[in-house]
């Protein structure tokens, strides 16, 4: 569901900013520190309830006590207010009590400095992006994933003061093995569009494959692994085995993509994977997410930028993308250009 307008108050360098958005391309243009990333971060907070940045962050503008974010969509209105540890979310005037609900209200796919190189990044980054895609094509995945997280938290709490046999192993194993099976099924589906995208981009019919490593010892069930690891889990105070330790692996010609591709190629492979995820969401009939791109041109030559824009145009998604100069925008694209400086809108151009 595309956004029609966005308002940001008292977030980082932005005091009060309102944008009337375009249904397709929205370019945020300005020097470093102009507020481009803050606009994208505001959208991310509205769609997930949290920032994309790791570690403690002060999101408030200096001198302010709260920030307010709101977005208008066709026939709907979403607002989020944060004051200290208190957060209030309202959708069409009704209170939202769980940020999980935001995933369906305003679906987002975010590409930023924390995850743009996820193919070469951490296993956690790859799991998060994989799970994001599964959530929107598997109606039961979100519930099973939440059940697993609850059981994992409860087992970890029990490990710190264990008494008798763990009461959480059965629930943890059942949910964990269901997650693993659903991940495997999903990768079988996403692999085909990914292979086509990669072959079209690279010009080579290289065999590209995806594999998800369980996160527990191969050949054992998760329940068996939990029993095997019990003593070491007690010593360390947390659960070692499970899908929370899984790893998504990209291979080309049976070799790790990380070992044979350049940094630029790895980024394009990551973009191709994300586009393949969008294709599956479109096939499922679910609403396509809003795409957030921080530093659109980073490590991409002109041909890669044009290819990426072409793929997003074919899908017809709404995009918010940040650049430092207009020459980083491929010519001929309809949309809006918002010029920002010091957290303020200097001018906008509707093309």
C-alpha atoms as a PDB file:
ATOM      1  CA  UNK A   1       0.000   0.000   0.000  1.00  0.00           C
ATOM      2  CA  UNK A   2       1.778   3.181  -1.162  1.00  0.00           C
ATOM      3  CA  UNK A   3       2.145   6.160   1.129  1.00  0.00           C
ATOM      4  CA  UNK A   4       0.455   9.410   0.165  1.00  0.00           C
ATOM      5  CA  UNK A   5       2.187  11.585   2.765  1.00  0.00           C
ATOM      6  CA  UNK A   6       4.705  11.396   5.594  1.00  0.00           C
ATOM      7  CA  UNK A   7       5.179  13.702   8.583  1.00  0.00           C
ATOM      8  CA  UNK A   8       8.178  13.659  10.943  1.00  0.00           C
ATOM      9  CA  UNK A   9       8.513  15.712  14.122  1.00  0.00           C
ATOM     10  CA  UNK A  10      11.530  15.932  16.425  1.00  0.00           C
ATOM     11  CA  UNK A  11      13.472  12.962  15.038  1.00  0.00           C
ATOM     12  CA  UNK A  12      17.252  13.438  14.958  1.00  0.00           C
ATOM     13  CA  UNK A  13      18.023  16.541  12.859  1.00  0.00           C
ATOM     14  CA  UNK A  14      14.408  16.997  11.711  1.00  0.00           C
ATOM     15  CA  UNK A  15      12.193  19.411  13.626  1.00  0.00           C
ATOM     16  CA  UNK A  16       9.104  19.248  11.438  1.00  0.00           C
ATOM     17  CA  UNK A  17       9.032  17.818   7.929  1.00  0.00           C
ATOM     18  CA  UNK A  18       6.071  16.900   5.753  1.00  0.00           C
ATOM     19  CA  UNK A  19       6.340  15.205   2.367  1.00  0.00           C
ATOM     20  CA  UNK A  20       3.583  14.639  -0.174  1.00  0.00           C
ATOM     21  CA  UNK A  21       4.901  11.470  -1.723  1.00  0.00           C
ATOM     22  CA  UNK A  22       4.871   9.927  -5.185  1.00  0.00           C
ATOM     23  CA  UNK A  23       3.350   6.499  -5.788  1.00  0.00           C
ATOM     24  CA  UNK A  24       6.556   5.210  -7.395  1.00  0.00           C
ATOM     25  CA  UNK A  25       9.943   6.953  -6.990  1.00  0.00           C
ATOM     26  CA  UNK A  26      10.765   9.365  -4.155  1.00  0.00           C
ATOM     27  CA  UNK A  27      14.349  10.666  -4.308  1.00  0.00           C
ATOM     28  CA  UNK A  28      15.856  12.192  -1.169  1.00  0.00           C
ATOM     29  CA  UNK A  29      18.709  14.442  -2.292  1.00  0.00           C
ATOM     30  CA  UNK A  30      21.266  16.235  -0.176  1.00  0.00           C
ATOM     31  CA  UNK A  31      24.725  16.245   1.366  1.00  0.00           C
ATOM     32  CA  UNK A  32      25.688  14.018   4.272  1.00  0.00           C
ATOM     33  CA  UNK A  33      23.796  15.089   7.376  1.00  0.00           C
ATOM     34  CA  UNK A  34      20.962  16.674   5.386  1.00  0.00           C
ATOM     35  CA  UNK A  35      18.351  14.322   6.883  1.00  0.00           C
ATOM     36  CA  UNK A  36      17.961  11.783   4.070  1.00  0.00           C
ATOM     37  CA  UNK A  37      18.673   8.747   6.243  1.00  0.00           C
ATOM     38  CA  UNK A  38      16.461  10.161   8.993  1.00  0.00           C
ATOM     39  CA  UNK A  39      13.476  10.186   6.599  1.00  0.00           C
ATOM     40  CA  UNK A  40      14.156   6.546   5.734  1.00  0.00           C
ATOM     41  CA  UNK A  41      14.647   5.670   9.392  1.00  0.00           C
ATOM     42  CA  UNK A  42      11.324   7.321  10.253  1.00  0.00           C
ATOM     43  CA  UNK A  43       9.591   5.093   7.715  1.00  0.00           C
ATOM     44  CA  UNK A  44      11.382   2.053   9.108  1.00  0.00           C
ATOM     45  CA  UNK A  45      10.237   2.891  12.647  1.00  0.00           C
ATOM     46  CA  UNK A  46       6.650   3.351  11.425  1.00  0.00           C
ATOM     47  CA  UNK A  47       6.707  -0.027   9.677  1.00  0.00           C
ATOM     48  CA  UNK A  48       8.487  -2.068  12.351  1.00  0.00           C
ATOM     49  CA  UNK A  49       8.357  -0.136  15.615  1.00  0.00           C
ATOM     50  CA  UNK A  50      12.134   0.137  15.832  1.00  0.00           C
ATOM     51  CA  UNK A  51      15.176   1.706  14.226  1.00  0.00           C
ATOM     52  CA  UNK A  52      17.444  -0.301  11.935  1.00  0.00           C
ATOM     53  CA  UNK A  53      20.539   0.830  13.841  1.00  0.00           C
ATOM     54  CA  UNK A  54      22.214  -1.520  16.323  1.00  0.00           C
ATOM     55  CA  UNK A  55      23.026  -0.509  19.880  1.00  0.00           C
ATOM     56  CA  UNK A  56      21.583   2.307  22.001  1.00  0.00           C
ATOM     57  CA  UNK A  57      20.696   5.366  19.956  1.00  0.00           C
ATOM     58  CA  UNK A  58      19.320   8.768  20.843  1.00  0.00           C
ATOM     59  CA  UNK A  59      16.668   9.389  18.221  1.00  0.00           C
ATOM     60  CA  UNK A  60      15.255  12.581  19.726  1.00  0.00           C
ATOM     61  CA  UNK A  61      16.088  15.972  18.342  1.00  0.00           C
ATOM     62  CA  UNK A  62      18.088  17.988  20.868  1.00  0.00           C
ATOM     63  CA  UNK A  63      15.882  19.722  23.390  1.00  0.00           C
ATOM     64  CA  UNK A  64      12.760  17.665  22.615  1.00  0.00           C
ATOM     65  CA  UNK A  65      11.012  15.150  24.874  1.00  0.00           C
ATOM     66  CA  UNK A  66       9.201  13.046  22.258  1.00  0.00           C
ATOM     67  CA  UNK A  67       9.047  12.342  18.547  1.00  0.00           C
ATOM     68  CA  UNK A  68       5.973  11.818  16.395  1.00  0.00           C
ATOM     69  CA  UNK A  69       5.803  10.022  13.041  1.00  0.00           C
ATOM     70  CA  UNK A  70       2.739   9.627  10.857  1.00  0.00           C
ATOM     71  CA  UNK A  71       1.874   8.382   7.393  1.00  0.00           C
ATOM     72  CA  UNK A  72      -1.267   8.615   5.333  1.00  0.00           C
ATOM     73  CA  UNK A  73      -2.152   5.785   2.984  1.00  0.00           C
ATOM     74  CA  UNK A  74      -5.248   5.324   0.813  1.00  0.00           C
ATOM     75  CA  UNK A  75      -8.139   5.297   3.331  1.00  0.00           C
ATOM     76  CA  UNK A  76      -5.784   4.701   6.290  1.00  0.00           C
ATOM     77  CA  UNK A  77      -3.685   6.657   8.778  1.00  0.00           C
ATOM     78  CA  UNK A  78      -0.797   5.377  10.912  1.00  0.00           C
ATOM     79  CA  UNK A  79       0.942   7.289  13.713  1.00  0.00           C
ATOM     80  CA  UNK A  80       3.657   6.470  16.241  1.00  0.00           C
ATOM     81  CA  UNK A  81       4.667   8.600  19.220  1.00  0.00           C
ATOM     82  CA  UNK A  82       7.682   7.865  21.429  1.00  0.00           C
ATOM     83  CA  UNK A  83       8.373   9.541  24.760  1.00  0.00           C
ATOM     84  CA  UNK A  84      11.162   7.953  26.804  1.00  0.00           C
ATOM     85  CA  UNK A  85      10.292   4.267  27.214  1.00  0.00           C
ATOM     86  CA  UNK A  86       6.647   4.873  26.358  1.00  0.00           C
ATOM     87  CA  UNK A  87       5.480   4.146  22.833  1.00  0.00           C
ATOM     88  CA  UNK A  88       2.025   4.755  21.428  1.00  0.00           C
ATOM     89  CA  UNK A  89       0.937   3.413  18.039  1.00  0.00           C
ATOM     90  CA  UNK A  90      -2.431   4.191  16.485  1.00  0.00           C
ATOM     91  CA  UNK A  91      -3.927   2.945  13.239  1.00  0.00           C
ATOM     92  CA  UNK A  92      -7.099   4.627  11.996  1.00  0.00           C
ATOM     93  CA  UNK A  93      -7.618   5.924  15.526  1.00  0.00           C
ATOM     94  CA  UNK A  94      -7.312   2.507  17.197  1.00  0.00           C
ATOM     95  CA  UNK A  95      -4.409   1.567  19.471  1.00  0.00           C
ATOM     96  CA  UNK A  96      -1.870  -0.995  18.266  1.00  0.00           C
ATOM     97  CA  UNK A  97      -0.387  -2.977  21.148  1.00  0.00           C
ATOM     98  CA  UNK A  98       2.184  -5.087  19.304  1.00  0.00           C
ATOM     99  CA  UNK A  99       4.724  -3.964  16.722  1.00  0.00           C
ATOM    100  CA  UNK A 100       4.149  -7.282  14.934  1.00  0.00           C
ATOM    101  CA  UNK A 101       0.892  -5.807  13.593  1.00  0.00           C
ATOM    102  CA  UNK A 102       2.884  -3.107  11.786  1.00  0.00           C
ATOM    103  CA  UNK A 103       4.454  -5.746   9.523  1.00  0.00           C
ATOM    104  CA  UNK A 104       1.071  -6.215   7.856  1.00  0.00           C
ATOM    105  CA  UNK A 105      -0.090  -2.600   8.046  1.00  0.00           C
ATOM    106  CA  UNK A 106       2.945  -1.064   6.323  1.00  0.00           C
ATOM    107  CA  UNK A 107       5.256  -3.740   4.854  1.00  0.00           C
ATOM    108  CA  UNK A 108       8.783  -2.473   4.186  1.00  0.00           C
ATOM    109  CA  UNK A 109      11.975  -3.763   2.653  1.00  0.00           C
ATOM    110  CA  UNK A 110      14.958  -1.716   3.858  1.00  0.00           C
ATOM    111  CA  UNK A 111      18.421  -1.559   2.318  1.00  0.00           C
ATOM    112  CA  UNK A 112      20.915   0.391   4.398  1.00  0.00           C
ATOM    113  CA  UNK A 113      24.480   0.360   5.681  1.00  0.00           C
ATOM    114  CA  UNK A 114      23.649  -2.266   8.303  1.00  0.00           C
ATOM    115  CA  UNK A 115      22.438  -4.864   5.794  1.00  0.00           C
ATOM    116  CA  UNK A 116      23.373  -3.854   2.225  1.00  0.00           C
ATOM    117  CA  UNK A 117      26.165  -6.445   2.140  1.00  0.00           C
ATOM    118  CA  UNK A 118      24.246  -9.220   3.866  1.00  0.00           C
ATOM    119  CA  UNK A 119      25.558 -11.917   1.476  1.00  0.00           C
ATOM    120  CA  UNK A 120      29.035 -11.245   2.861  1.00  0.00           C
ATOM    121  CA  UNK A 121      27.781 -10.146   6.276  1.00  0.00           C
ATOM    122  CA  UNK A 122      26.785 -12.032   9.393  1.00  0.00           C
ATOM    123  CA  UNK A 123      24.624 -15.149   9.528  1.00  0.00           C
ATOM    124  CA  UNK A 124      22.173 -13.112  11.608  1.00  0.00           C
ATOM    125  CA  UNK A 125      21.723 -10.594   8.763  1.00  0.00           C
ATOM    126  CA  UNK A 126      21.072 -13.382   6.256  1.00  0.00           C
ATOM    127  CA  UNK A 127      18.575 -15.098   8.577  1.00  0.00           C
ATOM    128  CA  UNK A 128      16.712 -11.843   9.184  1.00  0.00           C
ATOM    129  CA  UNK A 129      16.345 -11.095   5.465  1.00  0.00           C
ATOM    130  CA  UNK A 130      15.367 -14.688   4.670  1.00  0.00           C
ATOM    131  CA  UNK A 131      12.769 -14.742   7.463  1.00  0.00           C
ATOM    132  CA  UNK A 132      11.374 -11.401   6.283  1.00  0.00           C
ATOM    133  CA  UNK A 133      10.575 -12.967   2.911  1.00  0.00           C
ATOM    134  CA  UNK A 134       9.061 -16.133   4.392  1.00  0.00           C
ATOM    135  CA  UNK A 135       6.775 -14.116   6.654  1.00  0.00           C
ATOM    136  CA  UNK A 136       4.932 -12.638   3.682  1.00  0.00           C
ATOM    137  CA  UNK A 137       4.411 -15.857   1.687  1.00  0.00           C
ATOM    138  CA  UNK A 138       3.784 -18.346   4.531  1.00  0.00           C
ATOM    139  CA  UNK A 139       0.687 -17.456   6.532  1.00  0.00           C
ATOM    140  CA  UNK A 140       1.758 -19.530   9.563  1.00  0.00           C
ATOM    141  CA  UNK A 141       5.406 -18.552   9.761  1.00  0.00           C
ATOM    142  CA  UNK A 142       5.005 -15.487  11.940  1.00  0.00           C
ATOM    143  CA  UNK A 143       3.075 -17.380  14.618  1.00  0.00           C
ATOM    144  CA  UNK A 144       5.518 -20.304  14.654  1.00  0.00           C
ATOM    145  CA  UNK A 145       8.467 -17.923  14.767  1.00  0.00           C
ATOM    146  CA  UNK A 146       6.986 -16.084  17.775  1.00  0.00           C
ATOM    147  CA  UNK A 147       6.308 -19.396  19.534  1.00  0.00           C
ATOM    148  CA  UNK A 148       9.913 -20.401  19.015  1.00  0.00           C
ATOM    149  CA  UNK A 149      11.245 -17.110  20.340  1.00  0.00           C
ATOM    150  CA  UNK A 150       9.082 -17.366  23.457  1.00  0.00           C
ATOM    151  CA  UNK A 151      10.183 -20.953  24.125  1.00  0.00           C
ATOM    152  CA  UNK A 152      13.835 -20.004  23.541  1.00  0.00           C
ATOM    153  CA  UNK A 153      13.632 -17.092  25.985  1.00  0.00           C
ATOM    154  CA  UNK A 154      11.971 -19.310  28.592  1.00  0.00           C
ATOM    155  CA  UNK A 155      14.529 -22.085  28.181  1.00  0.00           C
ATOM    156  CA  UNK A 156      17.410 -19.611  28.441  1.00  0.00           C
ATOM    157  CA  UNK A 157      15.897 -18.222  31.651  1.00  0.00           C
ATOM    158  CA  UNK A 158      15.553 -21.761  33.018  1.00  0.00           C
ATOM    159  CA  UNK A 159      19.189 -22.562  32.146  1.00  0.00           C
ATOM    160  CA  UNK A 160      20.387 -19.856  34.504  1.00  0.00           C
ATOM    161  CA  UNK A 161      18.601 -21.589  37.417  1.00  0.00           C
ATOM    162  CA  UNK A 162      17.917 -25.142  36.204  1.00  0.00           C
ATOM    163  CA  UNK A 163      15.750 -27.507  38.234  1.00  0.00           C
ATOM    164  CA  UNK A 164      15.013 -30.978  36.905  1.00  0.00           C
ATOM    165  CA  UNK A 165      14.433 -31.588  33.194  1.00  0.00           C
ATOM    166  CA  UNK A 166      13.876 -28.613  30.928  1.00  0.00           C
ATOM    167  CA  UNK A 167      10.133 -28.033  30.486  1.00  0.00           C
ATOM    168  CA  UNK A 168      10.698 -26.111  27.247  1.00  0.00           C
ATOM    169  CA  UNK A 169      12.557 -28.628  25.050  1.00  0.00           C
ATOM    170  CA  UNK A 170       9.484 -30.138  23.398  1.00  0.00           C
ATOM    171  CA  UNK A 171       7.924 -26.804  22.415  1.00  0.00           C
ATOM    172  CA  UNK A 172      11.297 -25.463  21.303  1.00  0.00           C
ATOM    173  CA  UNK A 173      12.087 -28.533  19.182  1.00  0.00           C
ATOM    174  CA  UNK A 174       8.674 -28.658  17.505  1.00  0.00           C
ATOM    175  CA  UNK A 175       8.670 -24.984  16.572  1.00  0.00           C
ATOM    176  CA  UNK A 176      12.362 -25.038  15.597  1.00  0.00           C
ATOM    177  CA  UNK A 177      12.053 -27.988  13.229  1.00  0.00           C
ATOM    178  CA  UNK A 178       8.960 -26.438  11.660  1.00  0.00           C
ATOM    179  CA  UNK A 179      10.939 -23.225  11.064  1.00  0.00           C
ATOM    180  CA  UNK A 180      13.758 -25.174   9.424  1.00  0.00           C
ATOM    181  CA  UNK A 181      11.375 -27.064   7.117  1.00  0.00           C
ATOM    182  CA  UNK A 182       9.594 -23.892   6.095  1.00  0.00           C
ATOM    183  CA  UNK A 183      12.920 -22.195   5.391  1.00  0.00           C
ATOM    184  CA  UNK A 184      13.967 -25.086   3.153  1.00  0.00           C
ATOM    185  CA  UNK A 185      10.639 -25.013   1.290  1.00  0.00           C
ATOM    186  CA  UNK A 186      10.940 -21.270   0.810  1.00  0.00           C
ATOM    187  CA  UNK A 187      14.460 -21.439  -0.606  1.00  0.00           C
ATOM    188  CA  UNK A 188      13.316 -23.976  -3.176  1.00  0.00           C
ATOM    189  CA  UNK A 189      10.780 -21.412  -4.355  1.00  0.00           C
ATOM    190  CA  UNK A 190      13.020 -18.336  -4.296  1.00  0.00           C
ATOM    191  CA  UNK A 191      15.947 -20.102  -5.974  1.00  0.00           C
ATOM    192  CA  UNK A 192      14.352 -20.185  -9.437  1.00  0.00           C
ATOM    193  CA  UNK A 193      13.643 -16.434  -9.830  1.00  0.00           C
ATOM    194  CA  UNK A 194      17.026 -15.700  -8.252  1.00  0.00           C
ATOM    195  CA  UNK A 195      18.821 -17.911 -10.788  1.00  0.00           C
ATOM    196  CA  UNK A 196      17.060 -16.138 -13.662  1.00  0.00           C
ATOM    197  CA  UNK A 197      17.905 -12.687 -12.308  1.00  0.00           C
ATOM    198  CA  UNK A 198      21.536 -13.600 -11.709  1.00  0.00           C
ATOM    199  CA  UNK A 199      21.932 -15.195 -15.161  1.00  0.00           C
ATOM    200  CA  UNK A 200      20.402 -12.126 -16.835  1.00  0.00           C
ATOM    201  CA  UNK A 201      22.691  -9.790 -14.912  1.00  0.00           C
ATOM    202  CA  UNK A 202      25.951 -11.732 -15.104  1.00  0.00           C
ATOM    203  CA  UNK A 203      25.477 -13.050 -18.631  1.00  0.00           C
ATOM    204  CA  UNK A 204      26.517 -16.489 -17.428  1.00  0.00           C
ATOM    205  CA  UNK A 205      24.380 -19.517 -16.774  1.00  0.00           C
ATOM    206  CA  UNK A 206      26.400 -20.272 -13.653  1.00  0.00           C
ATOM    207  CA  UNK A 207      24.795 -22.728 -11.307  1.00  0.00           C
ATOM    208  CA  UNK A 208      23.624 -20.662  -8.345  1.00  0.00           C
ATOM    209  CA  UNK A 209      22.190 -22.480  -5.348  1.00  0.00           C
ATOM    210  CA  UNK A 210      20.897 -21.682  -1.874  1.00  0.00           C
ATOM    211  CA  UNK A 211      21.214 -23.777   1.245  1.00  0.00           C
ATOM    212  CA  UNK A 212      20.189 -23.197   4.846  1.00  0.00           C
ATOM    213  CA  UNK A 213      22.280 -24.860   7.526  1.00  0.00           C
ATOM    214  CA  UNK A 214      20.092 -26.022  10.410  1.00  0.00           C
ATOM    215  CA  UNK A 215      21.827 -24.425  13.335  1.00  0.00           C
ATOM    216  CA  UNK A 216      22.257 -27.784  15.037  1.00  0.00           C
ATOM    217  CA  UNK A 217      24.382 -30.895  14.425  1.00  0.00           C
ATOM    218  CA  UNK A 218      23.652 -32.555  11.101  1.00  0.00           C
ATOM    219  CA  UNK A 219      22.131 -36.004  11.460  1.00  0.00           C
ATOM    220  CA  UNK A 220      20.406 -35.209  14.754  1.00  0.00           C
ATOM    221  CA  UNK A 221      16.932 -33.910  15.449  1.00  0.00           C
ATOM    222  CA  UNK A 222      16.725 -30.614  17.293  1.00  0.00           C
ATOM    223  CA  UNK A 223      15.400 -32.425  20.375  1.00  0.00           C
ATOM    224  CA  UNK A 224      18.420 -34.749  20.307  1.00  0.00           C
ATOM    225  CA  UNK A 225      20.760 -31.769  19.955  1.00  0.00           C
ATOM    226  CA  UNK A 226      19.156 -30.016  22.911  1.00  0.00           C
ATOM    227  CA  UNK A 227      19.698 -33.096  25.081  1.00  0.00           C
ATOM    228  CA  UNK A 228      23.272 -33.494  23.865  1.00  0.00           C
ATOM    229  CA  UNK A 229      24.065 -29.831  24.578  1.00  0.00           C
ATOM    230  CA  UNK A 230      22.309 -29.619  27.937  1.00  0.00           C
ATOM    231  CA  UNK A 231      25.417 -29.520  30.138  1.00  0.00           C
ATOM    232  CA  UNK A 232      27.229 -26.942  28.001  1.00  0.00           C
ATOM    233  CA  UNK A 233      24.014 -24.904  27.750  1.00  0.00           C
ATOM    234  CA  UNK A 234      23.789 -24.878  31.543  1.00  0.00           C
ATOM    235  CA  UNK A 235      27.385 -23.768  31.870  1.00  0.00           C
ATOM    236  CA  UNK A 236      26.991 -20.938  29.388  1.00  0.00           C
ATOM    237  CA  UNK A 237      23.441 -19.986  30.345  1.00  0.00           C
ATOM    238  CA  UNK A 238      21.973 -20.023  26.846  1.00  0.00           C
ATOM    239  CA  UNK A 239      20.788 -22.441  24.146  1.00  0.00           C
ATOM    240  CA  UNK A 240      23.433 -23.269  21.546  1.00  0.00           C
ATOM    241  CA  UNK A 241      21.425 -25.291  19.008  1.00  0.00           C
ATOM    242  CA  UNK A 242      18.399 -24.201  17.019  1.00  0.00           C
ATOM    243  CA  UNK A 243      17.244 -22.228  13.978  1.00  0.00           C
ATOM    244  CA  UNK A 244      18.411 -19.047  15.723  1.00  0.00           C
ATOM    245  CA  UNK A 245      21.921 -20.271  14.768  1.00  0.00           C
ATOM    246  CA  UNK A 246      21.052 -21.176  11.159  1.00  0.00           C
ATOM    247  CA  UNK A 247      22.992 -19.822   8.205  1.00  0.00           C
ATOM    248  CA  UNK A 248      21.880 -19.037   4.651  1.00  0.00           C
ATOM    249  CA  UNK A 249      24.614 -20.005   2.201  1.00  0.00           C
ATOM    250  CA  UNK A 250      24.985 -18.756  -1.408  1.00  0.00           C
ATOM    251  CA  UNK A 251      26.967 -20.994  -3.765  1.00  0.00           C
ATOM    252  CA  UNK A 252      28.022 -20.533  -7.390  1.00  0.00           C
ATOM    253  CA  UNK A 253      29.396 -23.543  -9.232  1.00  0.00           C
ATOM    254  CA  UNK A 254      29.345 -25.348  -5.858  1.00  0.00           C
ATOM    255  CA  UNK A 255      31.738 -22.756  -4.393  1.00  0.00           C
ATOM    256  CA  UNK A 256      30.907 -20.182  -1.759  1.00  0.00           C
ATOM    257  CA  UNK A 257      29.879 -16.967  -3.501  1.00  0.00           C
ATOM    258  CA  UNK A 258      31.861 -15.071  -0.877  1.00  0.00           C
ATOM    259  CA  UNK A 259      35.061 -16.730  -2.087  1.00  0.00           C
ATOM    260  CA  UNK A 260      34.749 -16.091  -5.821  1.00  0.00           C
ATOM    261  CA  UNK A 261      32.747 -12.873  -6.334  1.00  0.00           C
ATOM    262  CA  UNK A 262      33.969  -9.292  -6.062  1.00  0.00           C
ATOM    263  CA  UNK A 263      32.444  -6.921  -3.520  1.00  0.00           C
ATOM    264  CA  UNK A 264      30.348  -5.255  -6.227  1.00  0.00           C
ATOM    265  CA  UNK A 265      29.135  -8.628  -7.541  1.00  0.00           C
ATOM    266  CA  UNK A 266      28.183  -9.696  -4.028  1.00  0.00           C
ATOM    267  CA  UNK A 267      26.070  -6.574  -3.635  1.00  0.00           C
ATOM    268  CA  UNK A 268      24.293  -7.240  -6.942  1.00  0.00           C
ATOM    269  CA  UNK A 269      23.694 -10.845  -5.848  1.00  0.00           C
ATOM    270  CA  UNK A 270      22.129  -9.511  -2.657  1.00  0.00           C
ATOM    271  CA  UNK A 271      19.901  -7.163  -4.654  1.00  0.00           C
ATOM    272  CA  UNK A 272      18.882 -10.023  -6.951  1.00  0.00           C
ATOM    273  CA  UNK A 273      17.923 -12.108  -3.909  1.00  0.00           C
ATOM    274  CA  UNK A 274      15.772  -9.284  -2.550  1.00  0.00           C
ATOM    275  CA  UNK A 275      14.072  -8.822  -5.925  1.00  0.00           C
ATOM    276  CA  UNK A 276      13.402 -12.578  -6.084  1.00  0.00           C
ATOM    277  CA  UNK A 277      11.725 -12.274  -2.676  1.00  0.00           C
ATOM    278  CA  UNK A 278       9.521  -9.479  -4.016  1.00  0.00           C
ATOM    279  CA  UNK A 279       8.567 -11.636  -6.993  1.00  0.00           C
ATOM    280  CA  UNK A 280       7.338 -14.384  -4.652  1.00  0.00           C
ATOM    281  CA  UNK A 281       5.355 -11.877  -2.602  1.00  0.00           C
ATOM    282  CA  UNK A 282       3.734 -10.594  -5.794  1.00  0.00           C
ATOM    283  CA  UNK A 283       2.899 -14.156  -6.876  1.00  0.00           C
ATOM    284  CA  UNK A 284       1.309 -14.832  -3.487  1.00  0.00           C
ATOM    285  CA  UNK A 285      -1.108 -11.939  -4.011  1.00  0.00           C
ATOM    286  CA  UNK A 286       0.109 -10.095  -0.936  1.00  0.00           C
ATOM    287  CA  UNK A 287       0.639  -6.334  -1.090  1.00  0.00           C
ATOM    288  CA  UNK A 288       4.159  -5.408  -2.156  1.00  0.00           C
ATOM    289  CA  UNK A 289       6.238  -3.550   0.436  1.00  0.00           C
ATOM    290  CA  UNK A 290       7.525   0.004   0.280  1.00  0.00           C
ATOM    291  CA  UNK A 291      11.242  -0.097  -0.595  1.00  0.00           C
ATOM    292  CA  UNK A 292      13.705   2.017   1.415  1.00  0.00           C
ATOM    293  CA  UNK A 293      17.197   2.491  -0.041  1.00  0.00           C
ATOM    294  CA  UNK A 294      19.864   4.393   1.847  1.00  0.00           C
ATOM    295  CA  UNK A 295      22.745   5.479  -0.426  1.00  0.00           C
ATOM    296  CA  UNK A 296      21.223   4.185  -3.668  1.00  0.00           C
ATOM    297  CA  UNK A 297      24.399   4.548  -5.734  1.00  0.00           C
ATOM    298  CA  UNK A 298      26.895   2.990  -3.297  1.00  0.00           C
ATOM    299  CA  UNK A 299      29.260   0.546  -5.040  1.00  0.00           C
ATOM    300  CA  UNK A 300      27.025   0.299  -8.113  1.00  0.00           C
ATOM    301  CA  UNK A 301      28.054   1.483 -11.552  1.00  0.00           C
ATOM    302  CA  UNK A 302      25.567   3.124 -13.884  1.00  0.00           C
ATOM    303  CA  UNK A 303      24.545  -0.135 -15.568  1.00  0.00           C
ATOM    304  CA  UNK A 304      23.831  -1.750 -12.183  1.00  0.00           C
ATOM    305  CA  UNK A 305      21.705   1.220 -11.103  1.00  0.00           C
ATOM    306  CA  UNK A 306      19.682   1.069 -14.308  1.00  0.00           C
ATOM    307  CA  UNK A 307      19.222  -2.712 -13.950  1.00  0.00           C
ATOM    308  CA  UNK A 308      18.060  -2.326 -10.369  1.00  0.00           C
ATOM    309  CA  UNK A 309      15.602   0.444 -11.231  1.00  0.00           C
ATOM    310  CA  UNK A 310      14.269  -1.582 -14.130  1.00  0.00           C
ATOM    311  CA  UNK A 311      13.559  -4.559 -11.875  1.00  0.00           C
ATOM    312  CA  UNK A 312      11.770  -2.381  -9.310  1.00  0.00           C
ATOM    313  CA  UNK A 313       9.787  -0.665 -12.071  1.00  0.00           C
ATOM    314  CA  UNK A 314       8.611  -4.025 -13.368  1.00  0.00           C
ATOM    315  CA  UNK A 315       7.254  -4.807  -9.923  1.00  0.00           C
ATOM    316  CA  UNK A 316       5.599  -1.393  -9.615  1.00  0.00           C
ATOM    317  CA  UNK A 317       6.689  -0.784  -6.039  1.00  0.00           C
ATOM    318  CA  UNK A 318       6.914   2.540  -4.215  1.00  0.00           C
ATOM    319  CA  UNK A 319      10.534   3.480  -3.502  1.00  0.00           C
ATOM    320  CA  UNK A 320      12.230   5.991  -1.204  1.00  0.00           C
ATOM    321  CA  UNK A 321      15.910   6.323  -2.167  1.00  0.00           C
ATOM    322  CA  UNK A 322      18.675   8.574  -0.868  1.00  0.00           C
ATOM    323  CA  UNK A 323      21.416  10.083  -3.060  1.00  0.00           C
ATOM    324  CA  UNK A 324      23.888  12.913  -2.581  1.00  0.00           C
ATOM    325  CA  UNK A 325      23.519  14.319  -6.116  1.00  0.00           C
ATOM    326  CA  UNK A 326      21.085  14.122  -9.027  1.00  0.00           C
ATOM    327  CA  UNK A 327      23.704  12.622 -11.350  1.00  0.00           C
ATOM    328  CA  UNK A 328      23.348   9.407  -9.329  1.00  0.00           C
ATOM    329  CA  UNK A 329      19.751   9.077 -10.522  1.00  0.00           C
ATOM    330  CA  UNK A 330      19.318   7.301 -13.878  1.00  0.00           C
ATOM    331  CA  UNK A 331      17.631   9.643 -16.343  1.00  0.00           C
ATOM    332  CA  UNK A 332      14.042   9.454 -17.469  1.00  0.00           C
ATOM    333  CA  UNK A 333      12.362   8.147 -14.308  1.00  0.00           C
ATOM    334  CA  UNK A 334       9.055   9.645 -13.196  1.00  0.00           C
ATOM    335  CA  UNK A 335       8.769  10.531  -9.538  1.00  0.00           C
ATOM    336  CA  UNK A 336       9.505  13.246  -6.999  1.00  0.00           C
ATOM    337  CA  UNK A 337      12.816  14.750  -5.973  1.00  0.00           C
ATOM    338  CA  UNK A 338      13.019  16.158  -2.440  1.00  0.00           C
ATOM    339  CA  UNK A 339      16.039  18.382  -1.779  1.00  0.00           C
ATOM    340  CA  UNK A 340      16.980  18.376   1.907  1.00  0.00           C
ATOM    341  CA  UNK A 341      19.408  20.450   3.972  1.00  0.00           C
ATOM    342  CA  UNK A 342      19.818  20.544   7.766  1.00  0.00           C
ATOM    343  CA  UNK A 343      16.681  18.446   8.226  1.00  0.00           C
ATOM    344  CA  UNK A 344      14.495  20.791   6.180  1.00  0.00           C
ATOM    345  CA  UNK A 345      12.880  20.549   2.777  1.00  0.00           C
ATOM    346  CA  UNK A 346      14.418  23.203   0.521  1.00  0.00           C
ATOM    347  CA  UNK A 347      12.496  22.348  -2.623  1.00  0.00           C
ATOM    348  CA  UNK A 348      10.758  19.493  -4.392  1.00  0.00           C
ATOM    349  CA  UNK A 349      10.468  18.684  -8.070  1.00  0.00           C
ATOM    350  CA  UNK A 350       7.698  16.526  -9.517  1.00  0.00           C
ATOM    351  CA  UNK A 351       8.914  14.853 -12.669  1.00  0.00           C
END
